[in-house]
Amino acid sequence: NTPENHEIESMRAVMLESNLKHLIINNSMINKIDSSINRFTKLISIDLSGNNITSITDMILLPKLQRINISNNKLTSLKALECLTSLKTLNASNNDIKSLTAVNILVPLGRSLLNIDLSNNPICKDSRYAAYVISAFPRLSVFDSRDLQSIASSRLHSTKNMATPTTTNGKRGGGYGMITPKSTRSFNSTPA
């Protein structure tokens, strides 16, 4: 290795690093993520699934990041993600997220987040979980790997075939038990 070759290799590494758009480090047994990830400013997607990550120690500041997969780790918090204002897809399934507070931290991402998967976390056992997440992120189209649009349309279709209930005096009722367009975003956390 001549000094010129080393310099050329260093320049290539810097060019690659500054233009990197997709980063995949899965099933590698890493246990934490720190601020060094922020040097990849053009990243659009990150896959860190299947590691041993217990914490993301610093805020992730990647303005172009649209997709992050941190599934199958040991994370208890999503706080480090709260500045990812371009984030559209978050997969944090199969971690150790226990409270709705972890979800509440992400509410500032509500304008961009379209797909969130937190399935198989302890938080899913909370009876308020599904309703809370769906109401916190009004633009969601996919929740825990389920298409909310198809769920809503299938529920709406099934209610169109239902008879309108009658009241005790025999008059047609006001739609008791019917799903209204507003309530079509409701979601049952158990599979259909």
N, C-alpha and C. Protein backbone atom coordinates (compact mmCIF):
# COMPACT_ATOMS: atom_id res chain seq x y z
N ASN A 1 0.83 -1.20 0.00
CA ASN A 1 0.00 0.00 0.00
C ASN A 1 0.87 1.26 0.00
N THR A 2 0.76 1.98 -1.06
CA THR A 2 1.49 3.25 -1.14
C THR A 2 0.66 4.34 -0.49
N PRO A 3 1.30 5.43 -0.11
CA PRO A 3 0.54 6.54 0.48
C PRO A 3 -0.57 7.05 -0.44
N GLU A 4 -0.34 7.03 -1.76
CA GLU A 4 -1.37 7.48 -2.70
C GLU A 4 -2.58 6.55 -2.66
N ASN A 5 -2.34 5.24 -2.62
CA ASN A 5 -3.44 4.28 -2.56
C ASN A 5 -4.26 4.44 -1.29
N HIS A 6 -3.57 4.65 -0.17
CA HIS A 6 -4.26 4.85 1.10
C HIS A 6 -5.13 6.11 1.04
N GLU A 7 -4.60 7.17 0.44
CA GLU A 7 -5.34 8.42 0.32
C GLU A 7 -6.57 8.24 -0.59
N ILE A 8 -6.42 7.51 -1.67
CA ILE A 8 -7.54 7.24 -2.58
C ILE A 8 -8.61 6.42 -1.86
N GLU A 9 -8.20 5.41 -1.10
CA GLU A 9 -9.16 4.58 -0.36
C GLU A 9 -9.89 5.42 0.70
N SER A 10 -9.19 6.31 1.35
CA SER A 10 -9.81 7.19 2.34
C SER A 10 -10.84 8.10 1.69
N MET A 11 -10.50 8.64 0.52
CA MET A 11 -11.44 9.50 -0.20
C MET A 11 -12.67 8.72 -0.64
N ARG A 12 -12.49 7.48 -1.10
CA ARG A 12 -13.63 6.64 -1.49
C ARG A 12 -14.55 6.37 -0.29
N ALA A 13 -13.95 6.08 0.85
CA ALA A 13 -14.74 5.81 2.05
C ALA A 13 -15.56 7.03 2.45
N VAL A 14 -14.96 8.21 2.40
CA VAL A 14 -15.68 9.44 2.73
C VAL A 14 -16.81 9.69 1.75
N MET A 15 -16.56 9.47 0.46
CA MET A 15 -17.60 9.66 -0.55
C MET A 15 -18.74 8.68 -0.35
N LEU A 16 -18.42 7.43 -0.07
CA LEU A 16 -19.44 6.43 0.17
C LEU A 16 -20.27 6.80 1.40
N GLU A 17 -19.59 7.16 2.47
CA GLU A 17 -20.26 7.51 3.71
C GLU A 17 -21.20 8.70 3.51
N SER A 18 -20.77 9.71 2.79
CA SER A 18 -21.59 10.91 2.64
C SER A 18 -22.76 10.71 1.69
N ASN A 19 -22.74 9.65 0.88
CA ASN A 19 -23.82 9.40 -0.07
C ASN A 19 -24.66 8.17 0.28
N LEU A 20 -24.39 7.53 1.39
CA LEU A 20 -25.09 6.32 1.79
C LEU A 20 -26.57 6.61 2.03
N LYS A 21 -27.45 5.85 1.37
CA LYS A 21 -28.90 6.06 1.51
C LYS A 21 -29.59 4.94 2.26
N HIS A 22 -29.04 3.75 2.24
CA HIS A 22 -29.65 2.59 2.90
C HIS A 22 -28.59 1.89 3.74
N LEU A 23 -28.92 1.63 4.98
CA LEU A 23 -27.98 0.99 5.89
C LEU A 23 -28.65 -0.24 6.49
N ILE A 24 -28.03 -1.39 6.32
CA ILE A 24 -28.55 -2.63 6.88
C ILE A 24 -27.47 -3.24 7.77
N ILE A 25 -27.79 -3.30 9.06
CA ILE A 25 -26.90 -3.97 10.02
C ILE A 25 -27.83 -4.83 10.88
N ASN A 26 -28.32 -5.92 10.30
CA ASN A 26 -29.22 -6.77 11.05
C ASN A 26 -28.54 -8.07 11.46
N ASN A 27 -29.07 -8.66 12.51
CA ASN A 27 -28.55 -9.93 13.03
C ASN A 27 -27.04 -9.88 13.27
N SER A 28 -26.58 -8.79 13.87
CA SER A 28 -25.14 -8.59 14.07
C SER A 28 -24.75 -8.49 15.54
N MET A 29 -25.69 -8.68 16.43
CA MET A 29 -25.42 -8.67 17.87
C MET A 29 -24.93 -7.33 18.41
N ILE A 30 -25.18 -6.23 17.71
CA ILE A 30 -24.83 -4.93 18.30
C ILE A 30 -25.82 -4.64 19.43
N ASN A 31 -25.38 -3.90 20.46
CA ASN A 31 -26.25 -3.70 21.61
C ASN A 31 -26.65 -2.25 21.86
N LYS A 32 -26.07 -1.30 21.14
CA LYS A 32 -26.52 0.08 21.29
C LYS A 32 -26.20 0.87 20.04
N ILE A 33 -26.93 1.94 19.89
CA ILE A 33 -26.72 2.87 18.79
C ILE A 33 -26.41 4.22 19.43
N ASP A 34 -25.38 4.89 18.93
CA ASP A 34 -25.03 6.20 19.47
C ASP A 34 -25.08 7.25 18.37
N SER A 35 -24.62 8.44 18.68
CA SER A 35 -24.72 9.57 17.74
C SER A 35 -23.87 9.40 16.49
N SER A 36 -22.99 8.44 16.45
CA SER A 36 -22.15 8.26 15.25
C SER A 36 -23.00 7.94 14.02
N ILE A 37 -24.19 7.43 14.22
CA ILE A 37 -25.06 7.14 13.08
C ILE A 37 -25.50 8.42 12.36
N ASN A 38 -25.46 9.53 13.06
CA ASN A 38 -25.90 10.81 12.48
C ASN A 38 -24.99 11.33 11.38
N ARG A 39 -23.83 10.75 11.22
CA ARG A 39 -22.92 11.22 10.16
C ARG A 39 -23.41 10.79 8.77
N PHE A 40 -24.34 9.85 8.71
CA PHE A 40 -24.89 9.40 7.43
C PHE A 40 -26.12 10.25 7.09
N THR A 41 -25.89 11.48 6.75
CA THR A 41 -26.98 12.47 6.64
C THR A 41 -27.95 12.22 5.50
N LYS A 42 -27.60 11.40 4.53
CA LYS A 42 -28.50 11.15 3.40
C LYS A 42 -29.28 9.84 3.53
N LEU A 43 -29.19 9.21 4.70
CA LEU A 43 -29.89 7.94 4.88
C LEU A 43 -31.39 8.11 4.70
N ILE A 44 -31.98 7.19 3.95
CA ILE A 44 -33.42 7.13 3.74
C ILE A 44 -34.00 5.97 4.54
N SER A 45 -33.23 4.88 4.66
CA SER A 45 -33.72 3.72 5.41
C SER A 45 -32.60 3.07 6.21
N ILE A 46 -33.01 2.56 7.38
CA ILE A 46 -32.09 1.85 8.27
C ILE A 46 -32.77 0.57 8.70
N ASP A 47 -32.04 -0.54 8.64
CA ASP A 47 -32.52 -1.81 9.16
C ASP A 47 -31.53 -2.29 10.22
N LEU A 48 -31.96 -2.21 11.46
CA LEU A 48 -31.15 -2.66 12.59
C LEU A 48 -31.84 -3.81 13.30
N SER A 49 -32.65 -4.55 12.58
CA SER A 49 -33.45 -5.61 13.18
C SER A 49 -32.60 -6.81 13.59
N GLY A 50 -33.11 -7.54 14.58
CA GLY A 50 -32.49 -8.79 14.97
C GLY A 50 -31.16 -8.65 15.66
N ASN A 51 -30.95 -7.57 16.36
CA ASN A 51 -29.72 -7.39 17.12
C ASN A 51 -30.02 -7.53 18.61
N ASN A 52 -29.18 -7.02 19.44
CA ASN A 52 -29.37 -7.03 20.89
C ASN A 52 -29.46 -5.61 21.42
N ILE A 53 -29.98 -4.71 20.63
CA ILE A 53 -29.98 -3.29 20.99
C ILE A 53 -30.90 -3.06 22.18
N THR A 54 -30.30 -2.57 23.26
CA THR A 54 -31.07 -2.25 24.45
C THR A 54 -31.33 -0.76 24.56
N SER A 55 -30.51 0.04 23.86
CA SER A 55 -30.72 1.49 23.93
C SER A 55 -30.16 2.19 22.71
N ILE A 56 -30.79 3.30 22.42
CA ILE A 56 -30.27 4.25 21.44
C ILE A 56 -29.91 5.45 22.30
N THR A 57 -28.62 5.62 22.54
CA THR A 57 -28.16 6.53 23.59
C THR A 57 -28.31 8.00 23.26
N ASP A 58 -28.31 8.34 21.97
CA ASP A 58 -28.41 9.74 21.57
C ASP A 58 -29.55 9.91 20.57
N MET A 59 -30.00 11.15 20.43
CA MET A 59 -31.05 11.46 19.48
C MET A 59 -30.59 11.13 18.06
N ILE A 60 -31.42 10.48 17.29
CA ILE A 60 -31.11 10.24 15.89
C ILE A 60 -31.56 11.48 15.12
N LEU A 61 -30.62 12.12 14.45
CA LEU A 61 -30.88 13.36 13.72
C LEU A 61 -30.58 13.15 12.25
N LEU A 62 -31.48 12.47 11.58
CA LEU A 62 -31.32 12.17 10.16
C LEU A 62 -32.55 12.73 9.43
N PRO A 63 -32.43 13.93 8.89
CA PRO A 63 -33.61 14.62 8.35
C PRO A 63 -34.28 13.94 7.16
N LYS A 64 -33.59 13.05 6.47
CA LYS A 64 -34.17 12.40 5.29
C LYS A 64 -34.68 10.98 5.57
N LEU A 65 -34.46 10.51 6.79
CA LEU A 65 -34.82 9.13 7.11
C LEU A 65 -36.33 8.92 7.03
N GLN A 66 -36.75 7.95 6.21
CA GLN A 66 -38.16 7.65 6.02
C GLN A 66 -38.57 6.31 6.61
N ARG A 67 -37.64 5.37 6.71
CA ARG A 67 -37.96 4.03 7.20
C ARG A 67 -36.90 3.58 8.19
N ILE A 68 -37.37 3.05 9.31
CA ILE A 68 -36.44 2.45 10.27
C ILE A 68 -37.04 1.16 10.80
N ASN A 69 -36.24 0.12 10.76
CA ASN A 69 -36.64 -1.18 11.28
C ASN A 69 -35.73 -1.50 12.45
N ILE A 70 -36.29 -1.44 13.65
CA ILE A 70 -35.55 -1.76 14.86
C ILE A 70 -36.24 -2.93 15.58
N SER A 71 -36.91 -3.76 14.79
CA SER A 71 -37.63 -4.90 15.36
C SER A 71 -36.66 -5.95 15.90
N ASN A 72 -37.19 -6.80 16.76
CA ASN A 72 -36.43 -7.93 17.32
C ASN A 72 -35.15 -7.48 18.01
N ASN A 73 -35.31 -6.51 18.89
CA ASN A 73 -34.23 -6.04 19.74
C ASN A 73 -34.73 -6.07 21.18
N LYS A 74 -34.14 -5.28 22.05
CA LYS A 74 -34.53 -5.24 23.46
C LYS A 74 -34.79 -3.82 23.92
N LEU A 75 -35.30 -2.99 23.02
CA LEU A 75 -35.53 -1.58 23.32
C LEU A 75 -36.71 -1.40 24.27
N THR A 76 -36.57 -0.44 25.19
CA THR A 76 -37.67 -0.10 26.10
C THR A 76 -38.20 1.30 25.82
N SER A 77 -37.50 2.06 24.99
CA SER A 77 -37.87 3.44 24.71
C SER A 77 -37.66 3.77 23.24
N LEU A 78 -38.47 4.71 22.75
CA LEU A 78 -38.35 5.18 21.37
C LEU A 78 -37.98 6.66 21.35
N LYS A 79 -37.57 7.20 22.48
CA LYS A 79 -37.28 8.62 22.62
C LYS A 79 -36.28 9.13 21.58
N ALA A 80 -35.30 8.36 21.25
CA ALA A 80 -34.26 8.80 20.32
C ALA A 80 -34.79 9.04 18.91
N LEU A 81 -36.04 8.64 18.64
CA LEU A 81 -36.61 8.76 17.30
C LEU A 81 -37.47 10.02 17.14
N GLU A 82 -37.68 10.76 18.21
CA GLU A 82 -38.67 11.85 18.19
C GLU A 82 -38.34 13.00 17.24
N CYS A 83 -37.13 13.09 16.74
CA CYS A 83 -36.75 14.17 15.82
C CYS A 83 -36.77 13.74 14.35
N LEU A 84 -37.22 12.55 14.08
CA LEU A 84 -37.21 12.03 12.70
C LEU A 84 -38.48 12.49 11.96
N THR A 85 -38.51 13.75 11.62
CA THR A 85 -39.72 14.37 11.08
C THR A 85 -40.11 13.90 9.68
N SER A 86 -39.25 13.19 8.99
CA SER A 86 -39.60 12.64 7.67
C SER A 86 -39.98 11.16 7.75
N LEU A 87 -39.97 10.61 8.95
CA LEU A 87 -40.21 9.18 9.12
C LEU A 87 -41.63 8.80 8.70
N LYS A 88 -41.72 7.82 7.80
CA LYS A 88 -43.01 7.32 7.32
C LYS A 88 -43.31 5.92 7.85
N THR A 89 -42.26 5.12 8.05
CA THR A 89 -42.44 3.73 8.47
C THR A 89 -41.54 3.42 9.66
N LEU A 90 -42.15 2.93 10.73
CA LEU A 90 -41.42 2.52 11.93
C LEU A 90 -41.82 1.09 12.28
N ASN A 91 -40.85 0.20 12.30
CA ASN A 91 -41.09 -1.16 12.77
C ASN A 91 -40.26 -1.34 14.03
N ALA A 92 -40.96 -1.34 15.16
CA ALA A 92 -40.32 -1.57 16.46
C ALA A 92 -40.98 -2.77 17.13
N SER A 93 -41.45 -3.71 16.33
CA SER A 93 -42.09 -4.91 16.87
C SER A 93 -41.06 -5.77 17.60
N ASN A 94 -41.56 -6.61 18.49
CA ASN A 94 -40.71 -7.57 19.21
C ASN A 94 -39.57 -6.90 19.96
N ASN A 95 -39.92 -5.93 20.78
CA ASN A 95 -38.98 -5.28 21.68
C ASN A 95 -39.52 -5.40 23.09
N ASP A 96 -39.19 -4.48 23.95
CA ASP A 96 -39.66 -4.51 25.34
C ASP A 96 -40.33 -3.18 25.71
N ILE A 97 -41.12 -2.66 24.79
CA ILE A 97 -41.81 -1.39 25.00
C ILE A 97 -43.05 -1.67 25.83
N LYS A 98 -43.14 -1.01 27.00
CA LYS A 98 -44.16 -1.37 27.97
C LYS A 98 -45.25 -0.34 28.18
N SER A 99 -45.00 0.93 27.85
CA SER A 99 -46.00 1.94 28.24
C SER A 99 -46.42 2.82 27.07
N LEU A 100 -47.61 3.39 27.20
CA LEU A 100 -48.12 4.32 26.20
C LEU A 100 -47.27 5.58 26.13
N THR A 101 -46.52 5.86 27.17
CA THR A 101 -45.62 7.02 27.17
C THR A 101 -44.60 6.89 26.04
N ALA A 102 -44.15 5.68 25.78
CA ALA A 102 -43.18 5.45 24.68
C ALA A 102 -43.79 5.85 23.34
N VAL A 103 -45.07 5.61 23.17
CA VAL A 103 -45.77 6.00 21.94
C VAL A 103 -46.00 7.50 21.93
N ASN A 104 -46.36 8.05 23.06
CA ASN A 104 -46.65 9.49 23.17
C ASN A 104 -45.46 10.34 22.74
N ILE A 105 -44.26 9.86 22.98
CA ILE A 105 -43.04 10.56 22.59
C ILE A 105 -43.00 10.79 21.07
N LEU A 106 -43.62 9.89 20.32
CA LEU A 106 -43.58 9.96 18.86
C LEU A 106 -44.69 10.82 18.25
N VAL A 107 -45.59 11.35 19.05
CA VAL A 107 -46.71 12.14 18.53
C VAL A 107 -46.26 13.27 17.60
N PRO A 108 -45.13 13.94 17.84
CA PRO A 108 -44.70 14.97 16.88
C PRO A 108 -44.48 14.44 15.45
N LEU A 109 -44.38 13.13 15.29
CA LEU A 109 -44.20 12.53 13.97
C LEU A 109 -45.54 12.25 13.29
N GLY A 110 -46.63 12.64 13.92
CA GLY A 110 -47.97 12.34 13.43
C GLY A 110 -48.26 12.81 12.02
N ARG A 111 -47.61 13.86 11.58
CA ARG A 111 -47.86 14.37 10.22
C ARG A 111 -47.18 13.54 9.15
N SER A 112 -46.13 12.81 9.51
CA SER A 112 -45.41 12.03 8.50
C SER A 112 -45.62 10.53 8.62
N LEU A 113 -45.83 10.02 9.83
CA LEU A 113 -45.87 8.58 10.07
C LEU A 113 -47.12 7.94 9.46
N LEU A 114 -46.90 6.99 8.55
CA LEU A 114 -48.00 6.30 7.86
C LEU A 114 -48.11 4.83 8.25
N ASN A 115 -47.02 4.27 8.76
CA ASN A 115 -46.97 2.85 9.04
C ASN A 115 -46.20 2.65 10.35
N ILE A 116 -46.85 2.07 11.34
CA ILE A 116 -46.18 1.80 12.61
C ILE A 116 -46.49 0.37 13.04
N ASP A 117 -45.46 -0.34 13.45
CA ASP A 117 -45.63 -1.71 13.92
C ASP A 117 -44.94 -1.83 15.28
N LEU A 118 -45.74 -1.98 16.30
CA LEU A 118 -45.25 -2.19 17.66
C LEU A 118 -45.72 -3.53 18.20
N SER A 119 -46.15 -4.41 17.31
CA SER A 119 -46.69 -5.70 17.73
C SER A 119 -45.66 -6.50 18.53
N ASN A 120 -46.18 -7.38 19.35
CA ASN A 120 -45.36 -8.27 20.18
C ASN A 120 -44.45 -7.52 21.14
N ASN A 121 -44.95 -6.41 21.66
CA ASN A 121 -44.33 -5.68 22.75
C ASN A 121 -45.27 -5.78 23.94
N PRO A 122 -44.78 -5.68 25.16
CA PRO A 122 -45.68 -5.72 26.32
C PRO A 122 -46.80 -4.66 26.26
N ILE A 123 -46.56 -3.54 25.61
CA ILE A 123 -47.57 -2.48 25.50
C ILE A 123 -48.86 -2.98 24.83
N CYS A 124 -48.76 -3.97 23.99
CA CYS A 124 -49.92 -4.49 23.25
C CYS A 124 -50.97 -5.10 24.17
N LYS A 125 -50.58 -5.46 25.39
CA LYS A 125 -51.52 -6.04 26.35
C LYS A 125 -52.40 -4.98 27.00
N ASP A 126 -52.04 -3.71 26.86
CA ASP A 126 -52.84 -2.61 27.41
C ASP A 126 -54.11 -2.48 26.56
N SER A 127 -55.25 -2.51 27.19
CA SER A 127 -56.52 -2.47 26.45
C SER A 127 -56.70 -1.17 25.67
N ARG A 128 -55.98 -0.13 26.03
CA ARG A 128 -56.09 1.16 25.34
C ARG A 128 -55.13 1.29 24.16
N TYR A 129 -54.25 0.33 24.01
CA TYR A 129 -53.16 0.41 23.05
C TYR A 129 -53.59 0.76 21.62
N ALA A 130 -54.40 -0.06 21.01
CA ALA A 130 -54.76 0.14 19.60
C ALA A 130 -55.46 1.48 19.39
N ALA A 131 -56.45 1.78 20.20
CA ALA A 131 -57.19 3.04 20.05
C ALA A 131 -56.27 4.23 20.25
N TYR A 132 -55.37 4.12 21.21
CA TYR A 132 -54.45 5.22 21.50
C TYR A 132 -53.52 5.48 20.32
N VAL A 133 -52.92 4.44 19.78
CA VAL A 133 -51.98 4.61 18.67
C VAL A 133 -52.69 5.15 17.44
N ILE A 134 -53.83 4.60 17.12
CA ILE A 134 -54.57 5.03 15.93
C ILE A 134 -55.01 6.48 16.05
N SER A 135 -55.44 6.90 17.24
CA SER A 135 -55.86 8.29 17.40
C SER A 135 -54.66 9.24 17.46
N ALA A 136 -53.52 8.77 17.95
CA ALA A 136 -52.33 9.63 18.05
C ALA A 136 -51.71 9.92 16.68
N PHE A 137 -51.93 9.01 15.72
CA PHE A 137 -51.34 9.15 14.39
C PHE A 137 -52.45 9.08 13.34
N PRO A 138 -53.12 10.18 13.10
CA PRO A 138 -54.30 10.18 12.22
C PRO A 138 -54.02 9.83 10.77
N ARG A 139 -52.79 9.91 10.32
CA ARG A 139 -52.47 9.59 8.93
C ARG A 139 -52.09 8.13 8.73
N LEU A 140 -52.10 7.34 9.79
CA LEU A 140 -51.71 5.93 9.67
C LEU A 140 -52.55 5.21 8.63
N SER A 141 -51.89 4.44 7.80
CA SER A 141 -52.61 3.56 6.89
C SER A 141 -52.33 2.10 7.22
N VAL A 142 -51.21 1.84 7.92
CA VAL A 142 -50.87 0.48 8.35
C VAL A 142 -50.51 0.53 9.83
N PHE A 143 -51.17 -0.33 10.61
CA PHE A 143 -50.94 -0.41 12.05
C PHE A 143 -50.69 -1.87 12.41
N ASP A 144 -49.55 -2.14 13.01
CA ASP A 144 -49.16 -3.50 13.39
C ASP A 144 -49.35 -4.48 12.23
N SER A 145 -48.85 -4.09 11.08
CA SER A 145 -48.88 -4.89 9.84
C SER A 145 -50.28 -5.12 9.27
N ARG A 146 -51.24 -4.34 9.71
CA ARG A 146 -52.61 -4.47 9.19
C ARG A 146 -53.02 -3.20 8.48
N ASP A 147 -53.57 -3.36 7.30
CA ASP A 147 -54.01 -2.23 6.48
C ASP A 147 -55.30 -1.65 7.06
N LEU A 148 -55.22 -0.45 7.61
CA LEU A 148 -56.39 0.16 8.23
C LEU A 148 -57.49 0.48 7.23
N GLN A 149 -57.13 0.79 6.00
CA GLN A 149 -58.14 1.11 4.99
C GLN A 149 -59.00 -0.11 4.69
N SER A 150 -58.38 -1.28 4.53
CA SER A 150 -59.17 -2.48 4.21
C SER A 150 -60.01 -2.91 5.42
N ILE A 151 -59.49 -2.72 6.63
CA ILE A 151 -60.27 -3.05 7.83
C ILE A 151 -61.49 -2.14 7.88
N ALA A 152 -61.28 -0.85 7.66
CA ALA A 152 -62.39 0.10 7.71
C ALA A 152 -63.41 -0.19 6.63
N SER A 153 -62.97 -0.48 5.41
CA SER A 153 -63.94 -0.72 4.34
C SER A 153 -64.67 -2.03 4.55
N SER A 154 -64.01 -3.06 5.08
CA SER A 154 -64.72 -4.31 5.33
C SER A 154 -65.74 -4.15 6.45
N ARG A 155 -65.42 -3.37 7.46
CA ARG A 155 -66.39 -3.12 8.53
C ARG A 155 -67.55 -2.28 8.01
N LEU A 156 -67.25 -1.29 7.19
CA LEU A 156 -68.29 -0.44 6.64
C LEU A 156 -69.20 -1.26 5.72
N HIS A 157 -68.60 -2.14 4.91
CA HIS A 157 -69.38 -2.99 4.02
C HIS A 157 -70.30 -3.92 4.82
N SER A 158 -69.78 -4.50 5.89
CA SER A 158 -70.60 -5.43 6.69
C SER A 158 -71.73 -4.70 7.39
N THR A 159 -71.57 -3.44 7.73
CA THR A 159 -72.64 -2.70 8.40
C THR A 159 -73.70 -2.23 7.42
N LYS A 160 -73.38 -2.11 6.14
CA LYS A 160 -74.38 -1.71 5.15
C LYS A 160 -75.43 -2.80 4.97
N ASN A 161 -75.06 -4.03 5.26
CA ASN A 161 -75.99 -5.14 5.11
C ASN A 161 -76.82 -5.37 6.37
N MET A 162 -76.57 -4.59 7.41
CA MET A 162 -77.33 -4.74 8.65
C MET A 162 -78.60 -3.92 8.58
N ALA A 163 -79.66 -4.43 9.18
CA ALA A 163 -80.92 -3.68 9.24
C ALA A 163 -80.76 -2.56 10.26
N THR A 164 -81.45 -1.44 10.01
CA THR A 164 -81.42 -0.34 10.97
C THR A 164 -82.27 -0.75 12.16
N PRO A 165 -81.75 -0.65 13.37
CA PRO A 165 -82.51 -1.07 14.55
C PRO A 165 -83.76 -0.23 14.74
N THR A 166 -84.74 -0.81 15.37
CA THR A 166 -85.95 -0.06 15.69
C THR A 166 -85.97 0.23 17.17
N THR A 167 -86.68 1.28 17.54
CA THR A 167 -86.80 1.64 18.95
C THR A 167 -87.95 0.87 19.55
N THR A 168 -88.18 1.03 20.83
CA THR A 168 -89.24 0.29 21.50
C THR A 168 -90.63 0.66 20.99
N ASN A 169 -90.78 1.87 20.39
CA ASN A 169 -92.10 2.24 19.88
C ASN A 169 -92.25 1.86 18.41
N GLY A 170 -91.32 1.10 17.84
CA GLY A 170 -91.44 0.60 16.49
C GLY A 170 -90.86 1.51 15.42
N LYS A 171 -90.42 2.71 15.77
CA LYS A 171 -89.83 3.62 14.78
C LYS A 171 -88.40 3.20 14.52
N ARG A 172 -87.96 3.54 13.32
CA ARG A 172 -86.58 3.21 12.97
C ARG A 172 -85.63 4.01 13.85
N GLY A 173 -84.60 3.33 14.33
CA GLY A 173 -83.67 3.96 15.26
C GLY A 173 -82.65 4.83 14.57
N GLY A 174 -81.86 5.47 15.35
CA GLY A 174 -80.87 6.41 14.85
C GLY A 174 -79.52 5.78 14.58
N GLY A 175 -79.48 4.50 14.28
CA GLY A 175 -78.22 3.88 13.91
C GLY A 175 -77.44 3.34 15.09
N TYR A 176 -78.10 2.94 16.14
CA TYR A 176 -77.39 2.39 17.28
C TYR A 176 -76.55 1.19 16.86
N GLY A 177 -75.32 1.20 17.24
CA GLY A 177 -74.44 0.09 16.93
C GLY A 177 -73.86 0.14 15.52
N MET A 178 -74.26 1.11 14.73
CA MET A 178 -73.74 1.21 13.37
C MET A 178 -72.38 1.90 13.41
N ILE A 179 -71.53 1.57 12.48
CA ILE A 179 -70.23 2.23 12.38
C ILE A 179 -70.41 3.48 11.53
N THR A 180 -70.02 4.59 12.06
CA THR A 180 -70.06 5.83 11.31
C THR A 180 -68.72 6.06 10.66
N PRO A 181 -68.63 6.93 9.66
CA PRO A 181 -67.32 7.16 9.02
C PRO A 181 -66.23 7.51 10.02
N LYS A 182 -66.55 8.24 11.07
CA LYS A 182 -65.53 8.58 12.06
C LYS A 182 -65.03 7.35 12.80
N SER A 183 -65.92 6.42 13.07
CA SER A 183 -65.50 5.26 13.86
C SER A 183 -64.91 4.14 13.01
N THR A 184 -64.82 4.31 11.71
CA THR A 184 -64.22 3.27 10.89
C THR A 184 -62.73 3.14 11.16
N ARG A 185 -62.13 4.08 11.87
CA ARG A 185 -60.71 3.97 12.23
C ARG A 185 -60.52 3.18 13.50
N SER A 186 -61.61 2.64 14.07
CA SER A 186 -61.43 1.81 15.24
C SER A 186 -60.74 0.53 14.83
N PHE A 187 -60.13 -0.13 15.77
CA PHE A 187 -59.34 -1.30 15.43
C PHE A 187 -59.37 -2.27 16.59
N ASN A 188 -59.65 -3.49 16.29
CA ASN A 188 -59.62 -4.53 17.29
C ASN A 188 -58.22 -5.13 17.26
N SER A 189 -57.55 -5.17 18.39
CA SER A 189 -56.16 -5.62 18.40
C SER A 189 -56.02 -7.13 18.22
N THR A 190 -57.12 -7.86 18.23
CA THR A 190 -57.01 -9.29 17.97
C THR A 190 -57.20 -9.54 16.49
N PRO A 191 -56.47 -10.49 15.91
CA PRO A 191 -56.57 -10.74 14.48
C PRO A 191 -57.97 -11.17 14.08
N ALA A 192 -58.36 -10.77 12.87
CA ALA A 192 -59.70 -11.12 12.37
C ALA A 192 -59.74 -12.54 11.89
